[in-house]
Amino acid sequence: MDVALSDELVLLDVEAEDSFDLLRQAAQRLYEQGYVKDSYADAVVAREKVFATGLPTVMGGVAIPHTDVEHVNTPAVCIARLKKPVDFIMMGDDTEKVSVDCIFMLAMKEAHAQLTLLQNLMGILQDEDALKLVKTGESAQEICTFVKERLSKVPE
């Protein structure tokens, strides 16, 4: 899977007022690193309002925000782990909220690549040990190495 994920794209102990503040912080990091256009942050926030991405998992909530390919320069994933959870609307049910303490923000250039990446990410989200490493790992480097390894596996 040809998607950038570097230590600089793993944000630990993020403090966010709400889900949109969190989205903007992660989008800003992708923008500073050159992966996305300056339109990306607004686009990802606008999409989250229409298509919510909060997911309950075996270990609390996560969100997988993303937006349309035209806002992306180079495919990348930004992982942000929060000091205190923020509420996201649940994917597929806009009446429910999920308390989210970790997001995987996707910046993809091709729709079909996004689907493969989502499938691989779901593998991490459904595996308690894998998710625990992402949510409790000591360093950005440790988390980055682990997630890269998991995302590069070809889905069966």
N, C-alpha and C. Protein backbone atom coordinates (compact mmCIF):
# COMPACT_ATOMS: atom_id res chain seq x y z
N MET A 1 0.86 -1.18 0.00
CA MET A 1 0.00 0.00 0.00
C MET A 1 0.90 1.23 0.00
N ASP A 2 0.72 2.07 -1.00
CA ASP A 2 1.61 3.22 -1.14
C ASP A 2 0.99 4.46 -0.50
N VAL A 3 1.05 4.50 0.83
CA VAL A 3 0.47 5.60 1.58
C VAL A 3 1.50 6.08 2.58
N ALA A 4 1.72 7.39 2.63
CA ALA A 4 2.69 7.91 3.57
C ALA A 4 2.15 7.83 5.00
N LEU A 5 3.00 7.36 5.88
CA LEU A 5 2.72 7.42 7.32
C LEU A 5 4.09 7.54 7.97
N SER A 6 4.35 8.69 8.57
CA SER A 6 5.65 8.94 9.19
C SER A 6 5.42 9.32 10.65
N ASP A 7 6.50 9.35 11.40
CA ASP A 7 6.40 9.76 12.81
C ASP A 7 5.74 11.14 12.93
N GLU A 8 6.02 12.02 11.95
CA GLU A 8 5.44 13.38 11.98
C GLU A 8 3.92 13.36 11.82
N LEU A 9 3.39 12.25 11.31
CA LEU A 9 1.94 12.14 11.10
C LEU A 9 1.25 11.38 12.23
N VAL A 10 1.98 11.07 13.29
CA VAL A 10 1.38 10.44 14.46
C VAL A 10 1.39 11.49 15.59
N LEU A 11 0.21 11.99 15.92
CA LEU A 11 0.09 13.05 16.93
C LEU A 11 -0.37 12.42 18.24
N LEU A 12 0.40 12.62 19.29
CA LEU A 12 0.07 12.04 20.59
C LEU A 12 -0.37 13.13 21.56
N ASP A 13 -1.27 12.78 22.48
CA ASP A 13 -1.73 13.70 23.52
C ASP A 13 -2.29 15.01 22.96
N VAL A 14 -3.06 14.90 21.89
CA VAL A 14 -3.68 16.07 21.30
C VAL A 14 -4.78 16.58 22.22
N GLU A 15 -4.84 17.89 22.38
CA GLU A 15 -5.93 18.50 23.13
C GLU A 15 -6.84 19.19 22.14
N ALA A 16 -8.10 18.76 22.11
CA ALA A 16 -9.05 19.33 21.15
C ALA A 16 -10.33 19.72 21.88
N GLU A 17 -10.92 20.84 21.47
CA GLU A 17 -12.17 21.30 22.08
C GLU A 17 -13.34 20.40 21.67
N ASP A 18 -13.32 19.98 20.40
CA ASP A 18 -14.39 19.13 19.89
C ASP A 18 -13.88 18.40 18.65
N SER A 19 -14.78 17.63 18.03
CA SER A 19 -14.34 16.82 16.89
C SER A 19 -13.82 17.69 15.74
N PHE A 20 -14.43 18.84 15.51
CA PHE A 20 -14.01 19.67 14.37
C PHE A 20 -12.65 20.32 14.63
N ASP A 21 -12.39 20.67 15.89
CA ASP A 21 -11.08 21.19 16.26
C ASP A 21 -10.02 20.12 16.02
N LEU A 22 -10.32 18.90 16.41
CA LEU A 22 -9.42 17.78 16.20
C LEU A 22 -9.15 17.56 14.70
N LEU A 23 -10.22 17.57 13.90
CA LEU A 23 -10.06 17.38 12.46
C LEU A 23 -9.15 18.45 11.87
N ARG A 24 -9.34 19.69 12.31
CA ARG A 24 -8.52 20.79 11.78
C ARG A 24 -7.05 20.64 12.19
N GLN A 25 -6.81 20.18 13.42
CA GLN A 25 -5.42 19.98 13.87
C GLN A 25 -4.72 18.90 13.04
N ALA A 26 -5.40 17.79 12.81
CA ALA A 26 -4.81 16.70 12.02
C ALA A 26 -4.63 17.13 10.57
N ALA A 27 -5.62 17.82 10.03
CA ALA A 27 -5.54 18.31 8.64
C ALA A 27 -4.38 19.29 8.49
N GLN A 28 -4.20 20.13 9.50
CA GLN A 28 -3.10 21.10 9.48
C GLN A 28 -1.74 20.40 9.40
N ARG A 29 -1.59 19.29 10.14
CA ARG A 29 -0.33 18.56 10.11
C ARG A 29 -0.11 17.97 8.70
N LEU A 30 -1.15 17.41 8.12
CA LEU A 30 -1.03 16.87 6.75
C LEU A 30 -0.67 17.99 5.77
N TYR A 31 -1.25 19.16 5.96
CA TYR A 31 -0.98 20.31 5.09
C TYR A 31 0.47 20.79 5.27
N GLU A 32 0.91 20.93 6.52
CA GLU A 32 2.28 21.38 6.80
C GLU A 32 3.30 20.45 6.17
N GLN A 33 2.99 19.16 6.11
CA GLN A 33 3.91 18.17 5.55
C GLN A 33 3.76 18.06 4.02
N GLY A 34 2.82 18.82 3.44
CA GLY A 34 2.69 18.85 1.99
C GLY A 34 1.81 17.78 1.37
N TYR A 35 1.12 16.98 2.19
CA TYR A 35 0.32 15.88 1.65
C TYR A 35 -1.03 16.33 1.09
N VAL A 36 -1.55 17.44 1.61
CA VAL A 36 -2.88 17.88 1.18
C VAL A 36 -2.87 19.35 0.81
N LYS A 37 -3.89 19.75 0.05
CA LYS A 37 -4.04 21.15 -0.35
C LYS A 37 -4.66 21.95 0.79
N ASP A 38 -4.61 23.27 0.68
CA ASP A 38 -5.15 24.10 1.76
C ASP A 38 -6.66 23.99 1.88
N SER A 39 -7.31 23.40 0.88
CA SER A 39 -8.77 23.19 0.92
C SER A 39 -9.16 21.96 1.75
N TYR A 40 -8.17 21.14 2.11
CA TYR A 40 -8.46 19.85 2.73
C TYR A 40 -9.19 19.97 4.07
N ALA A 41 -8.73 20.86 4.95
CA ALA A 41 -9.32 20.96 6.29
C ALA A 41 -10.81 21.30 6.21
N ASP A 42 -11.16 22.31 5.43
CA ASP A 42 -12.57 22.69 5.29
C ASP A 42 -13.37 21.55 4.68
N ALA A 43 -12.78 20.86 3.71
CA ALA A 43 -13.48 19.77 3.03
C ALA A 43 -13.74 18.60 3.97
N VAL A 44 -12.76 18.28 4.82
CA VAL A 44 -12.91 17.14 5.72
C VAL A 44 -13.95 17.47 6.81
N VAL A 45 -13.96 18.71 7.28
CA VAL A 45 -14.96 19.13 8.27
C VAL A 45 -16.36 19.10 7.66
N ALA A 46 -16.48 19.63 6.44
CA ALA A 46 -17.78 19.65 5.76
C ALA A 46 -18.29 18.22 5.54
N ARG A 47 -17.40 17.30 5.15
CA ARG A 47 -17.81 15.92 4.91
C ARG A 47 -18.23 15.24 6.20
N GLU A 48 -17.51 15.53 7.29
CA GLU A 48 -17.84 14.92 8.58
C GLU A 48 -19.24 15.32 9.03
N LYS A 49 -19.65 16.54 8.69
CA LYS A 49 -20.98 17.02 9.08
C LYS A 49 -22.08 16.25 8.36
N VAL A 50 -21.77 15.77 7.15
CA VAL A 50 -22.77 15.05 6.34
C VAL A 50 -22.62 13.53 6.52
N PHE A 51 -21.39 13.05 6.45
CA PHE A 51 -21.10 11.62 6.58
C PHE A 51 -20.20 11.42 7.81
N ALA A 52 -20.82 11.21 8.95
CA ALA A 52 -20.06 11.06 10.20
C ALA A 52 -19.20 9.80 10.16
N THR A 53 -18.07 9.84 10.90
CA THR A 53 -17.12 8.72 10.83
C THR A 53 -16.79 8.11 12.20
N GLY A 54 -17.56 8.42 13.24
CA GLY A 54 -17.30 7.83 14.55
C GLY A 54 -17.66 6.35 14.58
N LEU A 55 -16.79 5.54 15.17
CA LEU A 55 -17.02 4.09 15.24
C LEU A 55 -16.75 3.57 16.65
N PRO A 56 -17.72 2.86 17.23
CA PRO A 56 -17.41 2.19 18.50
C PRO A 56 -16.52 0.98 18.19
N THR A 57 -15.52 0.72 19.04
CA THR A 57 -14.64 -0.43 18.81
C THR A 57 -14.53 -1.24 20.10
N VAL A 58 -13.71 -2.26 20.05
CA VAL A 58 -13.47 -3.10 21.22
C VAL A 58 -12.83 -2.31 22.36
N MET A 59 -12.24 -1.17 22.04
CA MET A 59 -11.59 -0.31 23.05
C MET A 59 -11.97 1.14 22.83
N GLY A 60 -13.18 1.50 23.18
CA GLY A 60 -13.59 2.90 23.02
C GLY A 60 -13.84 3.26 21.56
N GLY A 61 -13.98 4.55 21.31
CA GLY A 61 -14.33 4.98 19.97
C GLY A 61 -13.14 5.48 19.17
N VAL A 62 -13.25 5.32 17.85
CA VAL A 62 -12.29 5.90 16.92
C VAL A 62 -13.09 6.57 15.81
N ALA A 63 -12.42 7.39 15.01
CA ALA A 63 -13.06 7.97 13.84
C ALA A 63 -12.08 7.87 12.67
N ILE A 64 -12.66 7.75 11.48
CA ILE A 64 -11.84 7.64 10.27
C ILE A 64 -12.25 8.74 9.29
N PRO A 65 -11.94 10.00 9.63
CA PRO A 65 -12.33 11.09 8.74
C PRO A 65 -11.53 11.09 7.44
N HIS A 66 -12.17 11.50 6.37
CA HIS A 66 -11.51 11.62 5.06
C HIS A 66 -12.37 12.53 4.19
N THR A 67 -11.87 12.85 3.02
CA THR A 67 -12.67 13.66 2.10
C THR A 67 -12.28 13.33 0.68
N ASP A 68 -12.79 14.13 -0.25
CA ASP A 68 -12.62 13.83 -1.67
C ASP A 68 -11.17 13.95 -2.14
N VAL A 69 -10.85 13.15 -3.17
CA VAL A 69 -9.47 13.03 -3.65
C VAL A 69 -8.90 14.33 -4.20
N GLU A 70 -9.74 15.27 -4.65
CA GLU A 70 -9.18 16.48 -5.25
C GLU A 70 -8.47 17.40 -4.25
N HIS A 71 -8.64 17.13 -2.96
CA HIS A 71 -7.99 17.96 -1.93
C HIS A 71 -6.63 17.39 -1.50
N VAL A 72 -6.21 16.30 -2.15
CA VAL A 72 -5.02 15.56 -1.71
C VAL A 72 -3.90 15.66 -2.75
N ASN A 73 -2.68 15.91 -2.28
CA ASN A 73 -1.50 15.91 -3.15
C ASN A 73 -0.86 14.53 -3.21
N THR A 74 -0.64 13.94 -2.04
CA THR A 74 0.03 12.65 -1.91
C THR A 74 -0.71 11.83 -0.87
N PRO A 75 -0.99 10.55 -1.15
CA PRO A 75 -1.71 9.73 -0.18
C PRO A 75 -0.97 9.63 1.16
N ALA A 76 -1.73 9.80 2.25
CA ALA A 76 -1.13 9.76 3.58
C ALA A 76 -2.19 9.42 4.61
N VAL A 77 -1.72 8.99 5.78
CA VAL A 77 -2.60 8.76 6.93
C VAL A 77 -2.02 9.55 8.09
N CYS A 78 -2.89 10.27 8.80
CA CYS A 78 -2.48 10.97 10.02
C CYS A 78 -3.24 10.34 11.18
N ILE A 79 -2.51 9.90 12.19
CA ILE A 79 -3.12 9.31 13.38
C ILE A 79 -3.02 10.34 14.50
N ALA A 80 -4.13 10.63 15.14
CA ALA A 80 -4.11 11.56 16.26
C ALA A 80 -4.73 10.89 17.48
N ARG A 81 -4.00 10.90 18.58
CA ARG A 81 -4.46 10.31 19.82
C ARG A 81 -4.71 11.45 20.81
N LEU A 82 -5.87 11.41 21.42
CA LEU A 82 -6.29 12.52 22.28
C LEU A 82 -5.94 12.32 23.75
N LYS A 83 -5.72 13.44 24.42
CA LYS A 83 -5.58 13.41 25.89
C LYS A 83 -6.93 13.08 26.51
N LYS A 84 -7.98 13.80 26.05
CA LYS A 84 -9.34 13.55 26.53
C LYS A 84 -10.22 13.32 25.31
N PRO A 85 -11.10 12.32 25.36
CA PRO A 85 -11.96 12.02 24.20
C PRO A 85 -12.89 13.19 23.83
N VAL A 86 -13.25 13.24 22.56
CA VAL A 86 -14.27 14.17 22.07
C VAL A 86 -15.38 13.35 21.40
N ASP A 87 -16.57 13.92 21.34
CA ASP A 87 -17.69 13.21 20.73
C ASP A 87 -17.69 13.37 19.22
N PHE A 88 -17.88 12.25 18.54
CA PHE A 88 -18.13 12.23 17.10
C PHE A 88 -19.52 11.63 16.92
N ILE A 89 -20.19 12.01 15.86
CA ILE A 89 -21.45 11.36 15.51
C ILE A 89 -21.09 9.97 14.96
N MET A 90 -21.91 8.97 15.30
CA MET A 90 -21.63 7.61 14.87
C MET A 90 -21.88 7.44 13.37
N MET A 91 -20.97 6.72 12.73
CA MET A 91 -21.11 6.41 11.31
C MET A 91 -22.41 5.64 11.10
N GLY A 92 -23.24 6.11 10.17
CA GLY A 92 -24.47 5.40 9.84
C GLY A 92 -25.64 5.62 10.79
N ASP A 93 -25.45 6.43 11.85
CA ASP A 93 -26.56 6.69 12.77
C ASP A 93 -26.38 8.08 13.39
N ASP A 94 -26.98 9.08 12.76
CA ASP A 94 -26.73 10.45 13.21
C ASP A 94 -27.43 10.83 14.51
N THR A 95 -28.11 9.86 15.16
CA THR A 95 -28.72 10.15 16.46
C THR A 95 -27.80 9.71 17.60
N GLU A 96 -26.74 8.95 17.28
CA GLU A 96 -25.85 8.42 18.30
C GLU A 96 -24.49 9.11 18.25
N LYS A 97 -23.90 9.29 19.44
CA LYS A 97 -22.55 9.85 19.51
C LYS A 97 -21.60 8.78 20.02
N VAL A 98 -20.34 8.91 19.63
CA VAL A 98 -19.29 8.00 20.07
C VAL A 98 -18.20 8.85 20.72
N SER A 99 -17.74 8.44 21.88
CA SER A 99 -16.63 9.13 22.54
C SER A 99 -15.33 8.62 21.93
N VAL A 100 -14.65 9.49 21.19
CA VAL A 100 -13.49 9.11 20.37
C VAL A 100 -12.20 9.59 21.01
N ASP A 101 -11.22 8.68 21.14
CA ASP A 101 -9.93 9.09 21.68
C ASP A 101 -8.79 8.92 20.69
N CYS A 102 -9.13 8.52 19.46
CA CYS A 102 -8.10 8.30 18.45
C CYS A 102 -8.73 8.40 17.07
N ILE A 103 -8.07 9.11 16.15
CA ILE A 103 -8.58 9.14 14.77
C ILE A 103 -7.49 8.70 13.80
N PHE A 104 -7.95 8.16 12.70
CA PHE A 104 -7.10 7.83 11.55
C PHE A 104 -7.62 8.69 10.41
N MET A 105 -6.93 9.80 10.12
CA MET A 105 -7.39 10.68 9.05
C MET A 105 -6.74 10.25 7.74
N LEU A 106 -7.59 9.98 6.76
CA LEU A 106 -7.10 9.47 5.47
C LEU A 106 -7.04 10.58 4.44
N ALA A 107 -5.93 10.64 3.74
CA ALA A 107 -5.80 11.54 2.59
C ALA A 107 -5.45 10.65 1.40
N MET A 108 -6.45 10.36 0.58
CA MET A 108 -6.25 9.40 -0.51
C MET A 108 -6.43 10.06 -1.87
N LYS A 109 -5.69 9.55 -2.87
CA LYS A 109 -5.76 10.09 -4.23
C LYS A 109 -6.74 9.31 -5.11
N GLU A 110 -7.06 8.09 -4.74
CA GLU A 110 -7.94 7.26 -5.57
C GLU A 110 -8.98 6.58 -4.69
N ALA A 111 -10.21 6.59 -5.16
CA ALA A 111 -11.31 6.02 -4.38
C ALA A 111 -11.08 4.53 -4.06
N HIS A 112 -10.60 3.76 -5.06
CA HIS A 112 -10.43 2.31 -4.81
C HIS A 112 -9.32 2.05 -3.79
N ALA A 113 -8.30 2.92 -3.76
CA ALA A 113 -7.22 2.77 -2.78
C ALA A 113 -7.77 3.04 -1.38
N GLN A 114 -8.70 3.98 -1.31
CA GLN A 114 -9.31 4.33 -0.03
C GLN A 114 -10.04 3.11 0.54
N LEU A 115 -10.72 2.38 -0.33
CA LEU A 115 -11.47 1.21 0.11
C LEU A 115 -10.54 0.14 0.69
N THR A 116 -9.44 -0.12 0.01
CA THR A 116 -8.46 -1.10 0.50
C THR A 116 -7.90 -0.66 1.84
N LEU A 117 -7.56 0.63 1.93
CA LEU A 117 -7.02 1.16 3.18
C LEU A 117 -8.03 1.02 4.32
N LEU A 118 -9.29 1.33 4.02
CA LEU A 118 -10.34 1.19 5.04
C LEU A 118 -10.47 -0.25 5.50
N GLN A 119 -10.40 -1.19 4.57
CA GLN A 119 -10.49 -2.61 4.94
C GLN A 119 -9.33 -2.99 5.87
N ASN A 120 -8.13 -2.53 5.53
CA ASN A 120 -6.96 -2.83 6.37
C ASN A 120 -7.07 -2.16 7.74
N LEU A 121 -7.57 -0.93 7.75
CA LEU A 121 -7.76 -0.23 9.02
C LEU A 121 -8.77 -0.95 9.90
N MET A 122 -9.85 -1.44 9.30
CA MET A 122 -10.86 -2.17 10.07
C MET A 122 -10.23 -3.39 10.75
N GLY A 123 -9.23 -3.98 10.10
CA GLY A 123 -8.51 -5.10 10.71
C GLY A 123 -7.86 -4.69 12.02
N ILE A 124 -7.28 -3.49 12.05
CA ILE A 124 -6.68 -2.98 13.29
C ILE A 124 -7.77 -2.68 14.31
N LEU A 125 -8.85 -2.05 13.85
CA LEU A 125 -9.90 -1.61 14.77
C LEU A 125 -10.65 -2.78 15.41
N GLN A 126 -10.66 -3.92 14.73
CA GLN A 126 -11.37 -5.08 15.26
C GLN A 126 -10.46 -6.01 16.06
N ASP A 127 -9.18 -5.65 16.15
CA ASP A 127 -8.19 -6.48 16.86
C ASP A 127 -7.78 -5.73 18.12
N GLU A 128 -8.22 -6.25 19.26
CA GLU A 128 -8.00 -5.53 20.52
C GLU A 128 -6.52 -5.26 20.80
N ASP A 129 -5.66 -6.23 20.54
CA ASP A 129 -4.23 -6.04 20.79
C ASP A 129 -3.65 -4.95 19.89
N ALA A 130 -4.05 -4.96 18.63
CA ALA A 130 -3.55 -3.96 17.68
C ALA A 130 -4.02 -2.56 18.08
N LEU A 131 -5.29 -2.46 18.41
CA LEU A 131 -5.85 -1.16 18.78
C LEU A 131 -5.22 -0.66 20.08
N LYS A 132 -4.96 -1.59 20.98
CA LYS A 132 -4.35 -1.21 22.26
C LYS A 132 -2.96 -0.60 22.01
N LEU A 133 -2.22 -1.17 21.07
CA LEU A 133 -0.90 -0.63 20.79
C LEU A 133 -1.02 0.81 20.26
N VAL A 134 -1.97 1.04 19.38
CA VAL A 134 -2.15 2.39 18.84
C VAL A 134 -2.57 3.36 19.94
N LYS A 135 -3.45 2.90 20.83
CA LYS A 135 -3.99 3.79 21.85
C LYS A 135 -3.09 3.97 23.06
N THR A 136 -2.12 3.08 23.24
CA THR A 136 -1.26 3.19 24.44
C THR A 136 0.23 3.19 24.11
N GLY A 137 0.58 3.04 22.84
CA GLY A 137 2.00 2.99 22.45
C GLY A 137 2.77 4.19 23.00
N GLU A 138 4.02 3.93 23.37
CA GLU A 138 4.84 4.95 24.03
C GLU A 138 5.23 6.09 23.09
N SER A 139 5.55 5.74 21.84
CA SER A 139 6.12 6.75 20.95
C SER A 139 5.42 6.77 19.60
N ALA A 140 5.53 7.91 18.93
CA ALA A 140 5.00 8.03 17.58
C ALA A 140 5.68 7.02 16.66
N GLN A 141 6.97 6.81 16.87
CA GLN A 141 7.73 5.89 16.03
C GLN A 141 7.19 4.46 16.17
N GLU A 142 6.94 4.03 17.41
CA GLU A 142 6.44 2.68 17.66
C GLU A 142 5.08 2.49 16.97
N ILE A 143 4.19 3.45 17.13
CA ILE A 143 2.85 3.37 16.54
C ILE A 143 2.94 3.38 15.02
N CYS A 144 3.76 4.28 14.50
CA CYS A 144 3.94 4.40 13.05
C CYS A 144 4.43 3.08 12.44
N THR A 145 5.46 2.50 13.03
CA THR A 145 6.03 1.25 12.52
C THR A 145 4.98 0.14 12.52
N PHE A 146 4.27 0.03 13.63
CA PHE A 146 3.25 -1.02 13.76
C PHE A 146 2.12 -0.85 12.74
N VAL A 147 1.57 0.36 12.64
CA VAL A 147 0.44 0.59 11.73
C VAL A 147 0.87 0.40 10.28
N LYS A 148 2.05 0.87 9.94
CA LYS A 148 2.56 0.68 8.56
C LYS A 148 2.62 -0.80 8.21
N GLU A 149 3.12 -1.59 9.15
CA GLU A 149 3.24 -3.03 8.94
C GLU A 149 1.85 -3.64 8.71
N ARG A 150 0.89 -3.24 9.55
CA ARG A 150 -0.46 -3.78 9.43
C ARG A 150 -1.15 -3.33 8.14
N LEU A 151 -0.93 -2.08 7.75
CA LEU A 151 -1.61 -1.57 6.55
C LEU A 151 -0.99 -2.11 5.26
N SER A 152 0.26 -2.58 5.34
CA SER A 152 0.88 -3.08 4.12
C SER A 152 0.50 -4.52 3.81
N LYS A 153 -0.17 -5.16 4.76
CA LYS A 153 -0.62 -6.54 4.51
C LYS A 153 -1.73 -6.53 3.47
N VAL A 154 -1.67 -7.49 2.59
CA VAL A 154 -2.70 -7.59 1.57
C VAL A 154 -3.93 -8.26 2.20
N PRO A 155 -5.13 -7.63 2.06
CA PRO A 155 -6.31 -8.27 2.64
C PRO A 155 -6.57 -9.62 2.01
N GLU A 156 -7.03 -10.56 2.82
CA GLU A 156 -7.23 -11.94 2.32
C GLU A 156 -8.57 -12.10 1.64
